[in-house]
Amino acid sequence: MKFLFALLATLFFALPAWAVDVQMGNNGQLVFEPNEISISAGDSIHFINNVLPPHNVVVDGHPELSHKGLAVAPGESFDISFDTPGDYTFWCDPHKGAGMIGHIHVS
């Protein structure tokens, strides 16, 4: 019984944690869903490629936070951590002109 409890506890604590999931290309639209996000400093956002690839995330004025590599396959994902409070604007480079833009508020 102790072994089972230890195994379950290990699996629980080994799972990645993030504040919010953001779908890229949600329901075949060139959007981030949600596109207005509020998190606490130190939280991560989990970006998931939905459809209409390729997608990436460029954070305005913060190349160190940007994920410029393109997510091509449906379900492909990556995380971005925001350690400093402030307001951030982000977009998908290939689809910025189509309005694929969002905002992150870090407190």
C-alpha atoms as a PDB file:
ATOM      1  CA  MET A   1       0.000   0.000   0.000  1.00  0.00           C
ATOM      2  CA  LYS A   2       2.847   2.412   0.806  1.00  0.00           C
ATOM      3  CA  PHE A   3       4.374   1.665  -2.583  1.00  0.00           C
ATOM      4  CA  LEU A   4       1.127   2.532  -4.381  1.00  0.00           C
ATOM      5  CA  PHE A   5       0.783   5.785  -2.425  1.00  0.00           C
ATOM      6  CA  ALA A   6       4.414   6.713  -3.150  1.00  0.00           C
ATOM      7  CA  LEU A   7       3.955   5.933  -6.854  1.00  0.00           C
ATOM      8  CA  LEU A   8       0.791   8.042  -7.106  1.00  0.00           C
ATOM      9  CA  ALA A   9       2.399  10.923  -5.191  1.00  0.00           C
ATOM     10  CA  THR A  10       5.438  10.812  -7.487  1.00  0.00           C
ATOM     11  CA  LEU A  11       3.254  10.916 -10.598  1.00  0.00           C
ATOM     12  CA  PHE A  12       1.199  13.783  -9.198  1.00  0.00           C
ATOM     13  CA  PHE A  13       4.221  15.923  -8.372  1.00  0.00           C
ATOM     14  CA  ALA A  14       5.969  15.101 -11.661  1.00  0.00           C
ATOM     15  CA  LEU A  15       3.171  16.555 -13.794  1.00  0.00           C
ATOM     16  CA  PRO A  16       3.922  19.936 -15.358  1.00  0.00           C
ATOM     17  CA  ALA A  17       2.068  22.887 -13.883  1.00  0.00           C
ATOM     18  CA  TRP A  18       1.006  26.010 -15.678  1.00  0.00           C
ATOM     19  CA  ALA A  19      -1.508  28.744 -15.047  1.00  0.00           C
ATOM     20  CA  VAL A  20      -3.475  28.528 -18.292  1.00  0.00           C
ATOM     21  CA  ASP A  21      -3.734  26.655 -21.601  1.00  0.00           C
ATOM     22  CA  VAL A  22      -3.839  28.807 -24.738  1.00  0.00           C
ATOM     23  CA  GLN A  23      -5.060  27.241 -27.968  1.00  0.00           C
ATOM     24  CA  MET A  24      -3.317  28.533 -31.098  1.00  0.00           C
ATOM     25  CA  GLY A  25      -5.594  28.437 -34.149  1.00  0.00           C
ATOM     26  CA  ASN A  26      -8.599  27.517 -32.027  1.00  0.00           C
ATOM     27  CA  ASN A  27     -11.490  25.953 -34.011  1.00  0.00           C
ATOM     28  CA  GLY A  28      -9.852  26.775 -37.330  1.00  0.00           C
ATOM     29  CA  GLN A  29      -9.647  30.498 -36.585  1.00  0.00           C
ATOM     30  CA  LEU A  30      -6.441  32.553 -36.617  1.00  0.00           C
ATOM     31  CA  VAL A  31      -6.762  33.428 -32.920  1.00  0.00           C
ATOM     32  CA  PHE A  32      -5.307  32.674 -29.513  1.00  0.00           C
ATOM     33  CA  GLU A  33      -7.972  31.350 -27.150  1.00  0.00           C
ATOM     34  CA  PRO A  34      -7.983  32.968 -24.687  1.00  0.00           C
ATOM     35  CA  ASN A  35      -6.218  36.066 -25.991  1.00  0.00           C
ATOM     36  CA  GLU A  36      -6.469  38.113 -22.763  1.00  0.00           C
ATOM     37  CA  ILE A  37      -4.655  36.377 -19.901  1.00  0.00           C
ATOM     38  CA  SER A  38      -4.013  37.322 -16.276  1.00  0.00           C
ATOM     39  CA  ILE A  39      -1.417  35.354 -14.301  1.00  0.00           C
ATOM     40  CA  SER A  40       0.873  35.754 -11.310  1.00  0.00           C
ATOM     41  CA  ALA A  41       4.620  36.345 -11.605  1.00  0.00           C
ATOM     42  CA  GLY A  42       6.379  32.998 -11.924  1.00  0.00           C
ATOM     43  CA  ASP A  43       3.462  31.296 -13.693  1.00  0.00           C
ATOM     44  CA  SER A  44       3.802  29.584 -17.053  1.00  0.00           C
ATOM     45  CA  ILE A  45       1.438  29.628 -19.998  1.00  0.00           C
ATOM     46  CA  HIS A  46       1.001  26.410 -21.984  1.00  0.00           C
ATOM     47  CA  PHE A  47       0.546  27.158 -25.704  1.00  0.00           C
ATOM     48  CA  ILE A  48      -1.024  24.327 -27.742  1.00  0.00           C
ATOM     49  CA  ASN A  49      -1.198  24.178 -31.535  1.00  0.00           C
ATOM     50  CA  ASN A  50      -4.770  23.436 -32.547  1.00  0.00           C
ATOM     51  CA  VAL A  51      -5.239  23.757 -36.321  1.00  0.00           C
ATOM     52  CA  LEU A  52      -4.234  26.016 -39.196  1.00  0.00           C
ATOM     53  CA  PRO A  53      -0.508  25.762 -38.444  1.00  0.00           C
ATOM     54  CA  PRO A  54       2.188  26.933 -38.285  1.00  0.00           C
ATOM     55  CA  HIS A  55       2.040  29.063 -35.140  1.00  0.00           C
ATOM     56  CA  ASN A  56       4.564  30.585 -32.760  1.00  0.00           C
ATOM     57  CA  VAL A  57       4.606  33.219 -30.020  1.00  0.00           C
ATOM     58  CA  VAL A  58       6.568  36.449 -30.188  1.00  0.00           C
ATOM     59  CA  VAL A  59       6.437  38.620 -27.051  1.00  0.00           C
ATOM     60  CA  ASP A  60       6.785  42.293 -27.957  1.00  0.00           C
ATOM     61  CA  GLY A  61      10.136  43.638 -26.754  1.00  0.00           C
ATOM     62  CA  HIS A  62      11.077  40.369 -25.028  1.00  0.00           C
ATOM     63  CA  PRO A  63      12.997  38.001 -27.292  1.00  0.00           C
ATOM     64  CA  GLU A  64      14.016  36.024 -24.195  1.00  0.00           C
ATOM     65  CA  LEU A  65      10.350  35.098 -23.651  1.00  0.00           C
ATOM     66  CA  SER A  66       9.462  34.493 -27.302  1.00  0.00           C
ATOM     67  CA  HIS A  67       9.116  31.039 -28.831  1.00  0.00           C
ATOM     68  CA  LYS A  68       9.997  31.768 -32.450  1.00  0.00           C
ATOM     69  CA  GLY A  69      10.131  28.104 -33.476  1.00  0.00           C
ATOM     70  CA  LEU A  70       7.013  27.143 -35.409  1.00  0.00           C
ATOM     71  CA  ALA A  71       4.570  24.598 -34.003  1.00  0.00           C
ATOM     72  CA  VAL A  72       3.430  22.676 -37.069  1.00  0.00           C
ATOM     73  CA  ALA A  73       1.730  19.482 -35.882  1.00  0.00           C
ATOM     74  CA  PRO A  74      -1.682  19.589 -34.179  1.00  0.00           C
ATOM     75  CA  GLY A  75      -1.165  19.095 -30.441  1.00  0.00           C
ATOM     76  CA  GLU A  76       2.415  20.375 -30.493  1.00  0.00           C
ATOM     77  CA  SER A  77       2.968  22.589 -27.451  1.00  0.00           C
ATOM     78  CA  PHE A  78       5.430  24.683 -25.483  1.00  0.00           C
ATOM     79  CA  ASP A  79       5.464  26.659 -22.236  1.00  0.00           C
ATOM     80  CA  ILE A  80       6.548  30.227 -21.549  1.00  0.00           C
ATOM     81  CA  SER A  81       7.194  31.443 -17.986  1.00  0.00           C
ATOM     82  CA  PHE A  82       6.634  35.063 -16.968  1.00  0.00           C
ATOM     83  CA  ASP A  83       8.669  35.995 -13.887  1.00  0.00           C
ATOM     84  CA  THR A  84       8.388  39.788 -14.023  1.00  0.00           C
ATOM     85  CA  PRO A  85       5.128  41.660 -13.363  1.00  0.00           C
ATOM     86  CA  GLY A  86       3.875  43.823 -16.204  1.00  0.00           C
ATOM     87  CA  ASP A  87       1.723  43.851 -19.318  1.00  0.00           C
ATOM     88  CA  TYR A  88       2.905  41.948 -22.377  1.00  0.00           C
ATOM     89  CA  THR A  89       1.620  41.877 -25.948  1.00  0.00           C
ATOM     90  CA  PHE A  90       2.229  38.725 -27.961  1.00  0.00           C
ATOM     91  CA  TRP A  91       1.442  37.517 -31.464  1.00  0.00           C
ATOM     92  CA  CYS A  92       1.899  34.711 -33.942  1.00  0.00           C
ATOM     93  CA  ASP A  93       4.531  35.878 -36.440  1.00  0.00           C
ATOM     94  CA  PRO A  94       2.958  34.226 -39.536  1.00  0.00           C
ATOM     95  CA  HIS A  95      -0.547  35.467 -38.615  1.00  0.00           C
ATOM     96  CA  LYS A  96      -0.033  38.825 -36.902  1.00  0.00           C
ATOM     97  CA  GLY A  97      -1.451  40.620 -39.951  1.00  0.00           C
ATOM     98  CA  ALA A  98      -4.613  38.509 -39.627  1.00  0.00           C
ATOM     99  CA  GLY A  99      -5.050  39.715 -36.043  1.00  0.00           C
ATOM    100  CA  MET A 100      -3.593  36.744 -34.122  1.00  0.00           C
ATOM    101  CA  ILE A 101      -2.553  38.917 -31.170  1.00  0.00           C
ATOM    102  CA  GLY A 102      -3.000  38.611 -27.413  1.00  0.00           C
ATOM    103  CA  HIS A 103      -2.238  40.300 -24.105  1.00  0.00           C
ATOM    104  CA  ILE A 104      -0.815  38.934 -20.865  1.00  0.00           C
ATOM    105  CA  HIS A 105      -1.150  40.727 -17.532  1.00  0.00           C
ATOM    106  CA  VAL A 106       1.353  39.524 -14.914  1.00  0.00           C
ATOM    107  CA  SER A 107       0.833  40.618 -11.312  1.00  0.00           C
END
